[in-house]
Amino acid sequence: MAATKNLCAQIPTDLHQRVCEAKEQSGLTTAQYITNLLTEYFKMKENGGNEIMPNNNTRTMAFQIDETLFQRIKAHLERETARTGRKLTQREFVLGLIETALEEAEREAQDAEAAENK
């Protein structure tokens, strides 16, 4: 086990609340959660501020959309950020939509296959 050292800091109450909620959702101890946060932060800094993707098994999708749709998405992200108190990124939003659509399409395909096999 690596040697450890205590780190203590005063932080704003609202940030403390966010950290506590996220820590509880993760199921980690405070020490584990803060260690993970700091480790991810320094890895991102080393990577020029870009999020590190696990095992680099990722692909990039890029496409253009018209300005009106872009502004609607931007407004939605701002509303959700204000509503939840947590910044919703374009990436999270689009990936969530894709995941939802794929799950629905896969469920429909399974249902159709099951109906054919009856």
PDB file of N, CA and C in Angstrom:
ATOM      1  N   MET A   1       0.845  -1.184   0.000  1.00  0.00           N
ATOM      2  CA  MET A   1       0.000   0.000   0.000  1.00  0.00           C
ATOM      3  C   MET A   1       0.883   1.237   0.000  1.00  0.00           C
ATOM      4  N   ALA A   2       0.528   2.220  -0.813  1.00  0.00           N
ATOM      5  CA  ALA A   2       1.297   3.462  -0.898  1.00  0.00           C
ATOM      6  C   ALA A   2       1.166   4.243   0.408  1.00  0.00           C
ATOM      7  N   ALA A   3       2.222   4.966   0.726  1.00  0.00           N
ATOM      8  CA  ALA A   3       2.174   5.828   1.908  1.00  0.00           C
ATOM      9  C   ALA A   3       1.128   6.902   1.682  1.00  0.00           C
ATOM     10  N   THR A   4       0.452   7.296   2.736  1.00  0.00           N
ATOM     11  CA  THR A   4      -0.590   8.314   2.612  1.00  0.00           C
ATOM     12  C   THR A   4      -0.287   9.497   3.510  1.00  0.00           C
ATOM     13  N   LYS A   5      -0.924  10.598   3.197  1.00  0.00           N
ATOM     14  CA  LYS A   5      -0.768  11.815   3.972  1.00  0.00           C
ATOM     15  C   LYS A   5      -2.115  12.529   3.983  1.00  0.00           C
ATOM     16  N   ASN A   6      -2.444  13.181   5.080  1.00  0.00           N
ATOM     17  CA  ASN A   6      -3.719  13.865   5.221  1.00  0.00           C
ATOM     18  C   ASN A   6      -3.718  15.180   4.447  1.00  0.00           C
ATOM     19  N   LEU A   7      -4.858  15.501   3.831  1.00  0.00           N
ATOM     20  CA  LEU A   7      -5.050  16.763   3.119  1.00  0.00           C
ATOM     21  C   LEU A   7      -6.337  17.373   3.637  1.00  0.00           C
ATOM     22  N   CYS A   8      -6.261  18.577   4.140  1.00  0.00           N
ATOM     23  CA  CYS A   8      -7.438  19.220   4.718  1.00  0.00           C
ATOM     24  C   CYS A   8      -7.563  20.618   4.126  1.00  0.00           C
ATOM     25  N   ALA A   9      -8.788  20.997   3.732  1.00  0.00           N
ATOM     26  CA  ALA A   9      -8.996  22.324   3.153  1.00  0.00           C
ATOM     27  C   ALA A   9     -10.419  22.776   3.399  1.00  0.00           C
ATOM     28  N   GLN A  10     -10.597  24.057   3.623  1.00  0.00           N
ATOM     29  CA  GLN A  10     -11.925  24.645   3.740  1.00  0.00           C
ATOM     30  C   GLN A  10     -12.440  24.918   2.330  1.00  0.00           C
ATOM     31  N   ILE A  11     -13.660  24.474   2.045  1.00  0.00           N
ATOM     32  CA  ILE A  11     -14.268  24.703   0.734  1.00  0.00           C
ATOM     33  C   ILE A  11     -15.670  25.270   0.940  1.00  0.00           C
ATOM     34  N   PRO A  12     -16.228  25.936  -0.083  1.00  0.00           N
ATOM     35  CA  PRO A  12     -17.585  26.486   0.056  1.00  0.00           C
ATOM     36  C   PRO A  12     -18.598  25.376   0.365  1.00  0.00           C
ATOM     37  N   THR A  13     -19.615  25.724   1.121  1.00  0.00           N
ATOM     38  CA  THR A  13     -20.628  24.763   1.560  1.00  0.00           C
ATOM     39  C   THR A  13     -21.326  24.085   0.381  1.00  0.00           C
ATOM     40  N   ASP A  14     -21.657  24.864  -0.657  1.00  0.00           N
ATOM     41  CA  ASP A  14     -22.354  24.255  -1.804  1.00  0.00           C
ATOM     42  C   ASP A  14     -21.462  23.259  -2.531  1.00  0.00           C
ATOM     43  N   LEU A  15     -20.171  23.529  -2.633  1.00  0.00           N
ATOM     44  CA  LEU A  15     -19.245  22.586  -3.254  1.00  0.00           C
ATOM     45  C   LEU A  15     -19.115  21.340  -2.385  1.00  0.00           C
ATOM     46  N   HIS A  16     -19.066  21.522  -1.086  1.00  0.00           N
ATOM     47  CA  HIS A  16     -18.990  20.394  -0.155  1.00  0.00           C
ATOM     48  C   HIS A  16     -20.196  19.481  -0.338  1.00  0.00           C
ATOM     49  N   GLN A  17     -21.381  20.082  -0.465  1.00  0.00           N
ATOM     50  CA  GLN A  17     -22.606  19.303  -0.661  1.00  0.00           C
ATOM     51  C   GLN A  17     -22.549  18.499  -1.954  1.00  0.00           C
ATOM     52  N   ARG A  18     -22.082  19.121  -3.033  1.00  0.00           N
ATOM     53  CA  ARG A  18     -21.968  18.423  -4.323  1.00  0.00           C
ATOM     54  C   ARG A  18     -21.003  17.254  -4.226  1.00  0.00           C
ATOM     55  N   VAL A  19     -19.871  17.486  -3.555  1.00  0.00           N
ATOM     56  CA  VAL A  19     -18.875  16.424  -3.398  1.00  0.00           C
ATOM     57  C   VAL A  19     -19.467  15.274  -2.586  1.00  0.00           C
ATOM     58  N   CYS A  20     -20.149  15.591  -1.497  1.00  0.00           N
ATOM     59  CA  CYS A  20     -20.746  14.546  -0.649  1.00  0.00           C
ATOM     60  C   CYS A  20     -21.776  13.723  -1.417  1.00  0.00           C
ATOM     61  N   GLU A  21     -22.619  14.392  -2.205  1.00  0.00           N
ATOM     62  CA  GLU A  21     -23.633  13.675  -2.986  1.00  0.00           C
ATOM     63  C   GLU A  21     -22.978  12.763  -4.023  1.00  0.00           C
ATOM     64  N   ALA A  22     -21.985  13.275  -4.732  1.00  0.00           N
ATOM     65  CA  ALA A  22     -21.300  12.478  -5.753  1.00  0.00           C
ATOM     66  C   ALA A  22     -20.545  11.312  -5.114  1.00  0.00           C
ATOM     67  N   LYS A  23     -19.934  11.566  -3.963  1.00  0.00           N
ATOM     68  CA  LYS A  23     -19.194  10.516  -3.260  1.00  0.00           C
ATOM     69  C   LYS A  23     -20.140   9.391  -2.850  1.00  0.00           C
ATOM     70  N   GLU A  24     -21.311   9.758  -2.311  1.00  0.00           N
ATOM     71  CA  GLU A  24     -22.277   8.741  -1.894  1.00  0.00           C
ATOM     72  C   GLU A  24     -22.779   7.930  -3.079  1.00  0.00           C
ATOM     73  N   GLN A  25     -23.009   8.590  -4.205  1.00  0.00           N
ATOM     74  CA  GLN A  25     -23.462   7.879  -5.401  1.00  0.00           C
ATOM     75  C   GLN A  25     -22.401   6.913  -5.905  1.00  0.00           C
ATOM     76  N   SER A  26     -21.137   7.261  -5.711  1.00  0.00           N
ATOM     77  CA  SER A  26     -20.044   6.412  -6.191  1.00  0.00           C
ATOM     78  C   SER A  26     -19.844   5.181  -5.324  1.00  0.00           C
ATOM     79  N   GLY A  27     -20.288   5.255  -4.056  1.00  0.00           N
ATOM     80  CA  GLY A  27     -20.097   4.132  -3.149  1.00  0.00           C
ATOM     81  C   GLY A  27     -18.687   4.039  -2.586  1.00  0.00           C
ATOM     82  N   LEU A  28     -17.901   5.084  -2.775  1.00  0.00           N
ATOM     83  CA  LEU A  28     -16.522   5.097  -2.293  1.00  0.00           C
ATOM     84  C   LEU A  28     -16.434   5.826  -0.957  1.00  0.00           C
ATOM     85  N   THR A  29     -15.340   5.568  -0.256  1.00  0.00           N
ATOM     86  CA  THR A  29     -15.078   6.358   0.946  1.00  0.00           C
ATOM     87  C   THR A  29     -14.644   7.749   0.504  1.00  0.00           C
ATOM     88  N   THR A  30     -14.640   8.697   1.446  1.00  0.00           N
ATOM     89  CA  THR A  30     -14.202  10.052   1.117  1.00  0.00           C
ATOM     90  C   THR A  30     -12.766  10.033   0.593  1.00  0.00           C
ATOM     91  N   ALA A  31     -11.892   9.293   1.257  1.00  0.00           N
ATOM     92  CA  ALA A  31     -10.487   9.223   0.827  1.00  0.00           C
ATOM     93  C   ALA A  31     -10.370   8.661  -0.587  1.00  0.00           C
ATOM     94  N   GLN A  32     -11.111   7.595  -0.871  1.00  0.00           N
ATOM     95  CA  GLN A  32     -11.057   7.002  -2.217  1.00  0.00           C
ATOM     96  C   GLN A  32     -11.589   7.974  -3.265  1.00  0.00           C
ATOM     97  N   TYR A  33     -12.702   8.628  -2.946  1.00  0.00           N
ATOM     98  CA  TYR A  33     -13.333   9.531  -3.901  1.00  0.00           C
ATOM     99  C   TYR A  33     -12.425  10.721  -4.215  1.00  0.00           C
ATOM    100  N   ILE A  34     -11.884  11.364  -3.176  1.00  0.00           N
ATOM    101  CA  ILE A  34     -11.005  12.519  -3.385  1.00  0.00           C
ATOM    102  C   ILE A  34      -9.735  12.094  -4.108  1.00  0.00           C
ATOM    103  N   THR A  35      -9.193  10.929  -3.778  1.00  0.00           N
ATOM    104  CA  THR A  35      -8.004  10.425  -4.480  1.00  0.00           C
ATOM    105  C   THR A  35      -8.303  10.251  -5.964  1.00  0.00           C
ATOM    106  N   ASN A  36      -9.466   9.664  -6.286  1.00  0.00           N
ATOM    107  CA  ASN A  36      -9.844   9.484  -7.693  1.00  0.00           C
ATOM    108  C   ASN A  36      -9.997  10.829  -8.401  1.00  0.00           C
ATOM    109  N   LEU A  37     -10.672  11.795  -7.733  1.00  0.00           N
ATOM    110  CA  LEU A  37     -10.857  13.118  -8.330  1.00  0.00           C
ATOM    111  C   LEU A  37      -9.517  13.779  -8.652  1.00  0.00           C
ATOM    112  N   LEU A  38      -8.632  13.770  -7.681  1.00  0.00           N
ATOM    113  CA  LEU A  38      -7.334  14.425  -7.873  1.00  0.00           C
ATOM    114  C   LEU A  38      -6.498  13.699  -8.933  1.00  0.00           C
ATOM    115  N   THR A  39      -6.553  12.389  -8.939  1.00  0.00           N
ATOM    116  CA  THR A  39      -5.813  11.620  -9.945  1.00  0.00           C
ATOM    117  C   THR A  39      -6.322  11.939 -11.348  1.00  0.00           C
ATOM    118  N   GLU A  40      -7.655  11.949 -11.520  1.00  0.00           N
ATOM    119  CA  GLU A  40      -8.239  12.286 -12.822  1.00  0.00           C
ATOM    120  C   GLU A  40      -7.878  13.709 -13.236  1.00  0.00           C
ATOM    121  N   TYR A  41      -7.920  14.630 -12.285  1.00  0.00           N
ATOM    122  CA  TYR A  41      -7.589  16.025 -12.576  1.00  0.00           C
ATOM    123  C   TYR A  41      -6.161  16.146 -13.110  1.00  0.00           C
ATOM    124  N   PHE A  42      -5.215  15.527 -12.437  1.00  0.00           N
ATOM    125  CA  PHE A  42      -3.827  15.652 -12.878  1.00  0.00           C
ATOM    126  C   PHE A  42      -3.571  14.906 -14.185  1.00  0.00           C
ATOM    127  N   LYS A  43      -4.276  13.817 -14.420  1.00  0.00           N
ATOM    128  CA  LYS A  43      -4.158  13.133 -15.716  1.00  0.00           C
ATOM    129  C   LYS A  43      -4.682  14.025 -16.831  1.00  0.00           C
ATOM    130  N   MET A  44      -5.816  14.729 -16.582  1.00  0.00           N
ATOM    131  CA  MET A  44      -6.362  15.646 -17.584  1.00  0.00           C
ATOM    132  C   MET A  44      -5.386  16.782 -17.857  1.00  0.00           C
ATOM    133  N   LYS A  45      -4.774  17.326 -16.805  1.00  0.00           N
ATOM    134  CA  LYS A  45      -3.803  18.406 -17.001  1.00  0.00           C
ATOM    135  C   LYS A  45      -2.637  17.937 -17.856  1.00  0.00           C
ATOM    136  N   GLU A  46      -2.178  16.723 -17.616  1.00  0.00           N
ATOM    137  CA  GLU A  46      -1.073  16.169 -18.397  1.00  0.00           C
ATOM    138  C   GLU A  46      -1.482  15.944 -19.850  1.00  0.00           C
ATOM    139  N   ASN A  47      -2.775  15.768 -20.086  1.00  0.00           N
ATOM    140  CA  ASN A  47      -3.292  15.512 -21.426  1.00  0.00           C
ATOM    141  C   ASN A  47      -3.826  16.785 -22.074  1.00  0.00           C
ATOM    142  N   GLY A  48      -3.333  17.926 -21.649  1.00  0.00           N
ATOM    143  CA  GLY A  48      -3.740  19.193 -22.242  1.00  0.00           C
ATOM    144  C   GLY A  48      -5.162  19.596 -21.922  1.00  0.00           C
ATOM    145  N   GLY A  49      -5.709  19.115 -20.809  1.00  0.00           N
ATOM    146  CA  GLY A  49      -7.057  19.481 -20.417  1.00  0.00           C
ATOM    147  C   GLY A  49      -8.132  18.585 -20.987  1.00  0.00           C
ATOM    148  N   ASN A  50      -7.739  17.589 -21.769  1.00  0.00           N
ATOM    149  CA  ASN A  50      -8.724  16.688 -22.366  1.00  0.00           C
ATOM    150  C   ASN A  50      -8.987  15.505 -21.449  1.00  0.00           C
ATOM    151  N   GLU A  51     -10.240  15.058 -21.447  1.00  0.00           N
ATOM    152  CA  GLU A  51     -10.629  13.914 -20.633  1.00  0.00           C
ATOM    153  C   GLU A  51      -9.907  12.669 -21.129  1.00  0.00           C
ATOM    154  N   ILE A  52      -9.416  11.885 -20.213  1.00  0.00           N
ATOM    155  CA  ILE A  52      -8.745  10.635 -20.560  1.00  0.00           C
ATOM    156  C   ILE A  52      -9.816   9.556 -20.678  1.00  0.00           C
ATOM    157  N   MET A  53      -9.850   8.901 -21.800  1.00  0.00           N
ATOM    158  CA  MET A  53     -10.812   7.835 -21.993  1.00  0.00           C
ATOM    159  C   MET A  53     -10.148   6.516 -21.613  1.00  0.00           C
ATOM    160  N   PRO A  54     -10.854   5.664 -20.875  1.00  0.00           N
ATOM    161  CA  PRO A  54     -10.263   4.391 -20.470  1.00  0.00           C
ATOM    162  C   PRO A  54      -9.837   3.580 -21.680  1.00  0.00           C
ATOM    163  N   ASN A  55      -8.680   3.006 -21.629  1.00  0.00           N
ATOM    164  CA  ASN A  55      -8.048   2.123 -22.618  1.00  0.00           C
ATOM    165  C   ASN A  55      -8.037   2.674 -24.047  1.00  0.00           C
ATOM    166  N   ASN A  56      -8.357   3.954 -24.216  1.00  0.00           N
ATOM    167  CA  ASN A  56      -8.309   4.619 -25.521  1.00  0.00           C
ATOM    168  C   ASN A  56      -9.039   3.867 -26.624  1.00  0.00           C
ATOM    169  N   ASN A  57     -10.050   3.095 -26.264  1.00  0.00           N
ATOM    170  CA  ASN A  57     -10.849   2.367 -27.241  1.00  0.00           C
ATOM    171  C   ASN A  57     -12.033   3.235 -27.641  1.00  0.00           C
ATOM    172  N   THR A  58     -11.739   4.422 -28.192  1.00  0.00           N
ATOM    173  CA  THR A  58     -12.784   5.368 -28.541  1.00  0.00           C
ATOM    174  C   THR A  58     -12.659   5.785 -29.998  1.00  0.00           C
ATOM    175  N   ARG A  59     -13.746   6.282 -30.532  1.00  0.00           N
ATOM    176  CA  ARG A  59     -13.782   6.820 -31.887  1.00  0.00           C
ATOM    177  C   ARG A  59     -14.423   8.190 -31.821  1.00  0.00           C
ATOM    178  N   THR A  60     -14.095   9.025 -32.777  1.00  0.00           N
ATOM    179  CA  THR A  60     -14.648  10.369 -32.824  1.00  0.00           C
ATOM    180  C   THR A  60     -15.756  10.428 -33.866  1.00  0.00           C
ATOM    181  N   MET A  61     -16.872  11.053 -33.482  1.00  0.00           N
ATOM    182  CA  MET A  61     -17.942  11.352 -34.416  1.00  0.00           C
ATOM    183  C   MET A  61     -18.037  12.869 -34.496  1.00  0.00           C
ATOM    184  N   ALA A  62     -18.076  13.391 -35.687  1.00  0.00           N
ATOM    185  CA  ALA A  62     -18.204  14.838 -35.854  1.00  0.00           C
ATOM    186  C   ALA A  62     -19.205  15.104 -36.972  1.00  0.00           C
ATOM    187  N   PHE A  63     -20.056  16.086 -36.742  1.00  0.00           N
ATOM    188  CA  PHE A  63     -21.036  16.459 -37.759  1.00  0.00           C
ATOM    189  C   PHE A  63     -21.448  17.889 -37.519  1.00  0.00           C
ATOM    190  N   GLN A  64     -21.962  18.515 -38.565  1.00  0.00           N
ATOM    191  CA  GLN A  64     -22.408  19.891 -38.459  1.00  0.00           C
ATOM    192  C   GLN A  64     -23.923  19.927 -38.342  1.00  0.00           C
ATOM    193  N   ILE A  65     -24.410  20.940 -37.601  1.00  0.00           N
ATOM    194  CA  ILE A  65     -25.847  21.157 -37.463  1.00  0.00           C
ATOM    195  C   ILE A  65     -26.113  22.626 -37.744  1.00  0.00           C
ATOM    196  N   ASP A  66     -27.364  22.939 -38.069  1.00  0.00           N
ATOM    197  CA  ASP A  66     -27.648  24.342 -38.365  1.00  0.00           C
ATOM    198  C   ASP A  66     -27.661  25.169 -37.080  1.00  0.00           C
ATOM    199  N   GLU A  67     -27.512  26.462 -37.232  1.00  0.00           N
ATOM    200  CA  GLU A  67     -27.378  27.388 -36.107  1.00  0.00           C
ATOM    201  C   GLU A  67     -28.586  27.356 -35.176  1.00  0.00           C
ATOM    202  N   THR A  68     -29.789  27.240 -35.754  1.00  0.00           N
ATOM    203  CA  THR A  68     -30.998  27.226 -34.936  1.00  0.00           C
ATOM    204  C   THR A  68     -31.009  26.033 -33.982  1.00  0.00           C
ATOM    205  N   LEU A  69     -30.683  24.852 -34.504  1.00  0.00           N
ATOM    206  CA  LEU A  69     -30.635  23.662 -33.657  1.00  0.00           C
ATOM    207  C   LEU A  69     -29.533  23.796 -32.606  1.00  0.00           C
ATOM    208  N   PHE A  70     -28.387  24.331 -33.010  1.00  0.00           N
ATOM    209  CA  PHE A  70     -27.280  24.530 -32.067  1.00  0.00           C
ATOM    210  C   PHE A  70     -27.706  25.436 -30.915  1.00  0.00           C
ATOM    211  N   GLN A  71     -28.410  26.525 -31.222  1.00  0.00           N
ATOM    212  CA  GLN A  71     -28.854  27.453 -30.180  1.00  0.00           C
ATOM    213  C   GLN A  71     -29.893  26.811 -29.263  1.00  0.00           C
ATOM    214  N   ARG A  72     -30.763  25.962 -29.827  1.00  0.00           N
ATOM    215  CA  ARG A  72     -31.739  25.242 -29.005  1.00  0.00           C
ATOM    216  C   ARG A  72     -31.037  24.302 -28.034  1.00  0.00           C
ATOM    217  N   ILE A  73     -30.026  23.603 -28.526  1.00  0.00           N
ATOM    218  CA  ILE A  73     -29.258  22.688 -27.667  1.00  0.00           C
ATOM    219  C   ILE A  73     -28.545  23.476 -26.578  1.00  0.00           C
ATOM    220  N   LYS A  74     -27.915  24.579 -26.969  1.00  0.00           N
ATOM    221  CA  LYS A  74     -27.193  25.420 -26.008  1.00  0.00           C
ATOM    222  C   LYS A  74     -28.142  25.919 -24.914  1.00  0.00           C
ATOM    223  N   ALA A  75     -29.344  26.363 -25.298  1.00  0.00           N
ATOM    224  CA  ALA A  75     -30.324  26.844 -24.326  1.00  0.00           C
ATOM    225  C   ALA A  75     -30.758  25.707 -23.395  1.00  0.00           C
ATOM    226  N   HIS A  76     -30.942  24.523 -23.947  1.00  0.00           N
ATOM    227  CA  HIS A  76     -31.322  23.366 -23.133  1.00  0.00           C
ATOM    228  C   HIS A  76     -30.227  23.048 -22.113  1.00  0.00           C
ATOM    229  N   LEU A  77     -28.985  23.045 -22.549  1.00  0.00           N
ATOM    230  CA  LEU A  77     -27.874  22.759 -21.646  1.00  0.00           C
ATOM    231  C   LEU A  77     -27.821  23.779 -20.512  1.00  0.00           C
ATOM    232  N   GLU A  78     -28.042  25.045 -20.839  1.00  0.00           N
ATOM    233  CA  GLU A  78     -28.045  26.090 -19.810  1.00  0.00           C
ATOM    234  C   GLU A  78     -29.198  25.893 -18.828  1.00  0.00           C
ATOM    235  N   ARG A  79     -30.382  25.543 -19.331  1.00  0.00           N
ATOM    236  CA  ARG A  79     -31.535  25.299 -18.450  1.00  0.00           C
ATOM    237  C   ARG A  79     -31.270  24.122 -17.521  1.00  0.00           C
ATOM    238  N   GLU A  80     -30.741  23.044 -18.082  1.00  0.00           N
ATOM    239  CA  GLU A  80     -30.463  21.861 -17.264  1.00  0.00           C
ATOM    240  C   GLU A  80     -29.375  22.135 -16.232  1.00  0.00           C
ATOM    241  N   THR A  81     -28.381  22.909 -16.617  1.00  0.00           N
ATOM    242  CA  THR A  81     -27.325  23.273 -15.677  1.00  0.00           C
ATOM    243  C   THR A  81     -27.905  24.083 -14.532  1.00  0.00           C
ATOM    244  N   ALA A  82     -28.766  25.042 -14.847  1.00  0.00           N
ATOM    245  CA  ALA A  82     -29.400  25.856 -13.810  1.00  0.00           C
ATOM    246  C   ALA A  82     -30.329  25.014 -12.945  1.00  0.00           C
ATOM    247  N   ARG A  83     -31.062  24.100 -13.565  1.00  0.00           N
ATOM    248  CA  ARG A  83     -32.022  23.267 -12.838  1.00  0.00           C
ATOM    249  C   ARG A  83     -31.334  22.300 -11.892  1.00  0.00           C
ATOM    250  N   THR A  84     -30.253  21.677 -12.347  1.00  0.00           N
ATOM    251  CA  THR A  84     -29.601  20.636 -11.545  1.00  0.00           C
ATOM    252  C   THR A  84     -28.441  21.151 -10.711  1.00  0.00           C
ATOM    253  N   GLY A  85     -27.925  22.336 -11.057  1.00  0.00           N
ATOM    254  CA  GLY A  85     -26.750  22.834 -10.348  1.00  0.00           C
ATOM    255  C   GLY A  85     -25.480  22.131 -10.769  1.00  0.00           C
ATOM    256  N   ARG A  86     -25.548  21.369 -11.850  1.00  0.00           N
ATOM    257  CA  ARG A  86     -24.401  20.626 -12.377  1.00  0.00           C
ATOM    258  C   ARG A  86     -24.318  20.879 -13.869  1.00  0.00           C
ATOM    259  N   LYS A  87     -23.139  21.228 -14.355  1.00  0.00           N
ATOM    260  CA  LYS A  87     -22.979  21.550 -15.771  1.00  0.00           C
ATOM    261  C   LYS A  87     -23.221  20.310 -16.631  1.00  0.00           C
ATOM    262  N   LEU A  88     -24.177  20.419 -17.534  1.00  0.00           N
ATOM    263  CA  LEU A  88     -24.442  19.371 -18.511  1.00  0.00           C
ATOM    264  C   LEU A  88     -23.690  19.747 -19.780  1.00  0.00           C
ATOM    265  N   THR A  89     -22.780  18.891 -20.203  1.00  0.00           N
ATOM    266  CA  THR A  89     -21.973  19.189 -21.386  1.00  0.00           C
ATOM    267  C   THR A  89     -22.675  18.718 -22.655  1.00  0.00           C
ATOM    268  N   GLN A  90     -22.240  19.274 -23.782  1.00  0.00           N
ATOM    269  CA  GLN A  90     -22.774  18.830 -25.073  1.00  0.00           C
ATOM    270  C   GLN A  90     -22.515  17.337 -25.252  1.00  0.00           C
ATOM    271  N   ARG A  91     -21.331  16.917 -24.871  1.00  0.00           N
ATOM    272  CA  ARG A  91     -20.946  15.517 -25.027  1.00  0.00           C
ATOM    273  C   ARG A  91     -21.880  14.607 -24.234  1.00  0.00           C
ATOM    274  N   GLU A  92     -22.112  14.938 -22.959  1.00  0.00           N
ATOM    275  CA  GLU A  92     -23.007  14.134 -22.123  1.00  0.00           C
ATOM    276  C   GLU A  92     -24.415  14.091 -22.713  1.00  0.00           C
ATOM    277  N   PHE A  93     -24.879  15.247 -23.173  1.00  0.00           N
ATOM    278  CA  PHE A  93     -26.227  15.347 -23.727  1.00  0.00           C
ATOM    279  C   PHE A  93     -26.374  14.467 -24.969  1.00  0.00           C
ATOM    280  N   VAL A  94     -25.454  14.605 -25.906  1.00  0.00           N
ATOM    281  CA  VAL A  94     -25.544  13.850 -27.159  1.00  0.00           C
ATOM    282  C   VAL A  94     -25.355  12.355 -26.900  1.00  0.00           C
ATOM    283  N   LEU A  95     -24.391  11.980 -26.059  1.00  0.00           N
ATOM    284  CA  LEU A  95     -24.200  10.560 -25.761  1.00  0.00           C
ATOM    285  C   LEU A  95     -25.435   9.970 -25.083  1.00  0.00           C
ATOM    286  N   GLY A  96     -26.077  10.744 -24.208  1.00  0.00           N
ATOM    287  CA  GLY A  96     -27.303  10.270 -23.574  1.00  0.00           C
ATOM    288  C   GLY A  96     -28.408  10.019 -24.584  1.00  0.00           C
ATOM    289  N   LEU A  97     -28.551  10.930 -25.534  1.00  0.00           N
ATOM    290  CA  LEU A  97     -29.561  10.744 -26.585  1.00  0.00           C
ATOM    291  C   LEU A  97     -29.271   9.508 -27.428  1.00  0.00           C
ATOM    292  N   ILE A  98     -28.010   9.331 -27.789  1.00  0.00           N
ATOM    293  CA  ILE A  98     -27.621   8.174 -28.609  1.00  0.00           C
ATOM    294  C   ILE A  98     -27.878   6.876 -27.851  1.00  0.00           C
ATOM    295  N   GLU A  99     -27.469   6.820 -26.587  1.00  0.00           N
ATOM    296  CA  GLU A  99     -27.677   5.615 -25.777  1.00  0.00           C
ATOM    297  C   GLU A  99     -29.158   5.279 -25.670  1.00  0.00           C
ATOM    298  N   THR A 100     -29.979   6.286 -25.405  1.00  0.00           N
ATOM    299  CA  THR A 100     -31.423   6.071 -25.273  1.00  0.00           C
ATOM    300  C   THR A 100     -32.014   5.550 -26.583  1.00  0.00           C
ATOM    301  N   ALA A 101     -31.637   6.167 -27.688  1.00  0.00           N
ATOM    302  CA  ALA A 101     -32.160   5.744 -28.991  1.00  0.00           C
ATOM    303  C   ALA A 101     -31.708   4.322 -29.337  1.00  0.00           C
ATOM    304  N   LEU A 102     -30.456   4.002 -29.055  1.00  0.00           N
ATOM    305  CA  LEU A 102     -29.960   2.654 -29.352  1.00  0.00           C
ATOM    306  C   LEU A 102     -30.645   1.601 -28.481  1.00  0.00           C
ATOM    307  N   GLU A 103     -30.822   1.905 -27.200  1.00  0.00           N
ATOM    308  CA  GLU A 103     -31.500   0.952 -26.317  1.00  0.00           C
ATOM    309  C   GLU A 103     -32.919   0.682 -26.807  1.00  0.00           C
ATOM    310  N   GLU A 104     -33.614   1.739 -27.223  1.00  0.00           N
ATOM    311  CA  GLU A 104     -34.980   1.577 -27.735  1.00  0.00           C
ATOM    312  C   GLU A 104     -34.986   0.757 -29.025  1.00  0.00           C
ATOM    313  N   ALA A 105     -34.075   1.059 -29.936  1.00  0.00           N
ATOM    314  CA  ALA A 105     -34.009   0.329 -31.204  1.00  0.00           C
ATOM    315  C   ALA A 105     -33.656  -1.141 -30.974  1.00  0.00           C
ATOM    316  N   GLU A 106     -32.735  -1.401 -30.050  1.00  0.00           N
ATOM    317  CA  GLU A 106     -32.355  -2.788 -29.753  1.00  0.00           C
ATOM    318  C   GLU A 106     -33.507  -3.550 -29.111  1.00  0.00           C
ATOM    319  N   ARG A 107     -34.263  -2.871 -28.233  1.00  0.00           N
ATOM    320  CA  ARG A 107     -35.422  -3.486 -27.591  1.00  0.00           C
ATOM    321  C   ARG A 107     -36.476  -3.824 -28.652  1.00  0.00           C
ATOM    322  N   GLU A 108     -36.721  -2.900 -29.577  1.00  0.00           N
ATOM    323  CA  GLU A 108     -37.693  -3.148 -30.651  1.00  0.00           C
ATOM    324  C   GLU A 108     -37.239  -4.298 -31.543  1.00  0.00           C
ATOM    325  N   ALA A 109     -35.955  -4.378 -31.833  1.00  0.00           N
ATOM    326  CA  ALA A 109     -35.429  -5.461 -32.662  1.00  0.00           C
ATOM    327  C   ALA A 109     -35.600  -6.813 -31.944  1.00  0.00           C
ATOM    328  N   GLN A 110     -35.362  -6.853 -30.646  1.00  0.00           N
ATOM    329  CA  GLN A 110     -35.542  -8.093 -29.880  1.00  0.00           C
ATOM    330  C   GLN A 110     -37.010  -8.486 -29.854  1.00  0.00           C
ATOM    331  N   ASP A 111     -37.889  -7.503 -29.683  1.00  0.00           N
ATOM    332  CA  ASP A 111     -39.322  -7.790 -29.676  1.00  0.00           C
ATOM    333  C   ASP A 111     -39.771  -8.347 -31.026  1.00  0.00           C
ATOM    334  N   ALA A 112     -39.289  -7.747 -32.106  1.00  0.00           N
ATOM    335  CA  ALA A 112     -39.639  -8.211 -33.454  1.00  0.00           C
ATOM    336  C   ALA A 112     -39.118  -9.611 -33.693  1.00  0.00           C
ATOM    337  N   GLU A 113     -37.908  -9.883 -33.245  1.00  0.00           N
ATOM    338  CA  GLU A 113     -37.316 -11.228 -33.401  1.00  0.00           C
ATOM    339  C   GLU A 113     -38.103 -12.262 -32.589  1.00  0.00           C
ATOM    340  N   ALA A 114     -38.496 -11.884 -31.381  1.00  0.00           N
ATOM    341  CA  ALA A 114     -39.277 -12.789 -30.543  1.00  0.00           C
ATOM    342  C   ALA A 114     -40.635 -13.091 -31.171  1.00  0.00           C
ATOM    343  N   ALA A 115     -41.249 -12.066 -31.792  1.00  0.00           N
ATOM    344  CA  ALA A 115     -42.543 -12.254 -32.447  1.00  0.00           C
ATOM    345  C   ALA A 115     -42.422 -13.166 -33.654  1.00  0.00           C
ATOM    346  N   GLU A 116     -41.306 -13.063 -34.376  1.00  0.00           N
ATOM    347  CA  GLU A 116     -41.086 -13.919 -35.550  1.00  0.00           C
ATOM    348  C   GLU A 116     -40.879 -15.371 -35.144  1.00  0.00           C
ATOM    349  N   ASN A 117     -40.295 -15.596 -34.001  1.00  0.00           N
ATOM    350  CA  ASN A 117     -39.978 -16.950 -33.546  1.00  0.00           C
ATOM    351  C   ASN A 117     -41.143 -17.653 -32.873  1.00  0.00           C
ATOM    352  N   LYS A 118     -42.287 -16.979 -32.753  1.00  0.00           N
ATOM    353  CA  LYS A 118     -43.463 -17.605 -32.111  1.00  0.00           C
ATOM    354  C   LYS A 118     -44.217 -18.441 -33.079  1.00  0.00           C
TER     355      LYS A 118
END
